[in-house]
């Protein structure tokens, strides 16, 4: 996670920081990186919570 954070701070893109490919977030798909023992990108893992605070496109 630290590598991804450093990469994001340097370039604005967290990829190449040691995590799986981290897709750019879009309100339509809700792409989210779930950080755990085995991290993975998921589409809309908490749709109900996310919809409490709608984002305008």
Protein backbone atom coordinates (compact mmCIF):
# COMPACT_ATOMS: atom_id res chain seq x y z
CA UNK A 1 0.00 0.00 0.00
CA UNK A 2 2.85 2.38 0.80
CA UNK A 3 4.28 1.93 -2.70
CA UNK A 4 0.94 2.77 -4.28
CA UNK A 5 0.60 5.85 -2.06
CA UNK A 6 4.07 7.08 -3.01
CA UNK A 7 3.38 6.45 -6.70
CA UNK A 8 0.09 8.36 -6.42
CA UNK A 9 1.80 11.29 -4.70
CA UNK A 10 4.47 11.45 -7.41
CA UNK A 11 2.32 10.93 -10.49
CA UNK A 12 -1.39 11.10 -9.57
CA UNK A 13 -1.68 7.41 -10.54
CA UNK A 14 -1.34 4.66 -7.88
CA UNK A 15 -0.40 1.92 -10.36
CA UNK A 16 3.14 0.51 -10.29
CA UNK A 17 3.08 0.68 -6.48
CA UNK A 18 3.04 -3.07 -5.82
CA UNK A 19 -0.73 -3.59 -5.86
CA UNK A 20 -2.86 -5.21 -8.57
CA UNK A 21 -3.92 -2.85 -11.40
CA UNK A 22 -5.99 -0.05 -9.85
CA UNK A 23 -8.59 1.24 -12.33
CA UNK A 24 -9.60 4.88 -12.40
CA UNK A 25 -12.82 5.50 -10.42
CA UNK A 26 -16.02 6.25 -12.30
CA UNK A 27 -19.42 6.85 -10.69
CA UNK A 28 -20.98 4.35 -13.12
CA UNK A 29 -18.87 1.36 -12.04
CA UNK A 30 -17.61 2.48 -8.62
CA UNK A 31 -14.14 0.96 -9.09
CA UNK A 32 -12.54 0.51 -5.68
CA UNK A 33 -9.33 -1.09 -4.44
CA UNK A 34 -10.05 -3.33 -1.45
CA UNK A 35 -6.87 -3.38 0.64
CA UNK A 36 -6.46 -6.63 2.57
CA UNK A 37 -4.03 -9.56 2.88
CA UNK A 38 -4.78 -10.12 -0.80
CA UNK A 39 -5.78 -6.77 -2.31
CA UNK A 40 -8.07 -6.59 -5.34
CA UNK A 41 -10.02 -4.09 -7.39
CA UNK A 42 -13.79 -4.52 -7.22
CA UNK A 43 -16.67 -2.77 -8.92
CA UNK A 44 -19.04 -1.12 -6.46
CA UNK A 45 -18.29 -3.26 -3.36
CA UNK A 46 -20.55 -1.06 -1.19
CA UNK A 47 -23.18 0.26 -3.57
CA UNK A 48 -25.73 1.05 -0.85
CA UNK A 49 -23.26 3.13 1.16
CA UNK A 50 -21.90 4.85 -1.95
CA UNK A 51 -25.39 5.81 -3.07
CA UNK A 52 -25.96 7.69 0.19
CA UNK A 53 -23.60 10.34 -1.24
CA UNK A 54 -24.31 10.56 -4.98
CA UNK A 55 -21.58 12.03 -7.18
CA UNK A 56 -22.47 14.10 -10.22
CA UNK A 57 -20.71 13.08 -13.44
